[in-house]
Amino acid sequence: MKLQQGQIWQKGNNFYRITEWSRMIIQYKHTHALEHKEGEVVEVSKKEFCRLLKGATLVEPPSS
């Protein structure tokens, strides 16, 4: 799994958008709808984030 800043992951009805990516820490926004830009910002280790995403799917950005 290759994590990148700006990716959106979906697991059930939850969406996780990576807002800041570094070597050891991931900062992400958690929302319940893809259209919402506001959300709870959470900072976790990369290992914790990968565990959170287990079974999640990467949401493809809409093509322009």
Protein backbone atom coordinates (compact mmCIF):
# COMPACT_ATOMS: atom_id res chain seq x y z
CA MET A 1 0.00 0.00 0.00
CA LYS A 2 1.54 3.31 -1.09
CA LEU A 3 0.24 6.21 1.00
CA GLN A 4 0.28 9.73 -0.43
CA GLN A 5 -0.92 13.11 0.73
CA GLY A 6 -4.40 13.90 -0.58
CA GLN A 7 -5.58 10.29 -0.89
CA ILE A 8 -9.12 9.48 0.21
CA TRP A 9 -9.88 6.07 1.68
CA GLN A 10 -13.35 4.64 2.35
CA LYS A 11 -14.18 2.04 4.96
CA GLY A 12 -17.90 1.46 5.38
CA ASN A 13 -19.58 4.88 5.70
CA ASN A 14 -16.37 6.58 6.85
CA PHE A 15 -13.96 8.55 4.68
CA TYR A 16 -10.35 9.26 5.60
CA ARG A 17 -8.47 12.00 3.70
CA ILE A 18 -4.70 12.18 4.25
CA THR A 19 -3.95 15.86 4.93
CA GLU A 20 -0.30 15.56 5.95
CA TRP A 21 2.05 12.68 5.31
CA SER A 22 5.51 12.27 6.79
CA ARG A 23 7.87 9.40 7.37
CA MET A 24 6.44 8.38 10.76
CA ILE A 25 3.22 10.41 11.25
CA ILE A 26 0.00 10.61 9.27
CA GLN A 27 -2.50 13.41 9.78
CA TYR A 28 -5.95 12.73 8.37
CA LYS A 29 -9.47 14.13 8.32
CA HIS A 30 -12.31 11.81 9.23
CA THR A 31 -15.74 12.50 7.67
CA HIS A 32 -18.94 10.56 7.05
CA ALA A 33 -19.62 12.02 3.59
CA LEU A 34 -17.22 12.58 0.70
CA GLU A 35 -18.67 16.03 -0.08
CA HIS A 36 -17.92 17.44 3.38
CA LYS A 37 -14.61 19.25 3.68
CA GLU A 38 -14.91 19.78 7.44
CA GLY A 39 -14.00 16.92 9.69
CA GLU A 40 -12.11 15.82 12.72
CA VAL A 41 -8.33 16.06 12.19
CA VAL A 42 -6.42 13.21 13.79
CA GLU A 43 -2.67 12.57 14.01
CA VAL A 44 -1.47 8.97 14.34
CA SER A 45 1.58 6.89 13.55
CA LYS A 46 1.83 5.38 10.09
CA LYS A 47 1.45 1.90 11.63
CA GLU A 48 -1.82 2.88 13.38
CA PHE A 49 -3.16 4.42 10.17
CA CYS A 50 -2.41 1.27 8.18
CA ARG A 51 -4.27 -0.79 10.79
CA LEU A 52 -7.21 1.63 10.54
CA LEU A 53 -7.31 1.23 6.75
CA LYS A 54 -7.31 -2.57 6.80
CA GLY A 55 -10.14 -3.57 4.47
CA ALA A 56 -10.63 0.00 3.17
CA THR A 57 -10.70 0.97 -0.50
CA LEU A 58 -8.97 3.89 -2.19
CA VAL A 59 -11.46 6.37 -3.65
CA GLU A 60 -10.41 7.42 -7.15
CA PRO A 61 -10.45 11.18 -7.72
CA PRO A 62 -13.10 12.30 -10.24
CA SER A 63 -11.60 12.71 -13.71
CA SER A 64 -11.89 16.19 -15.20
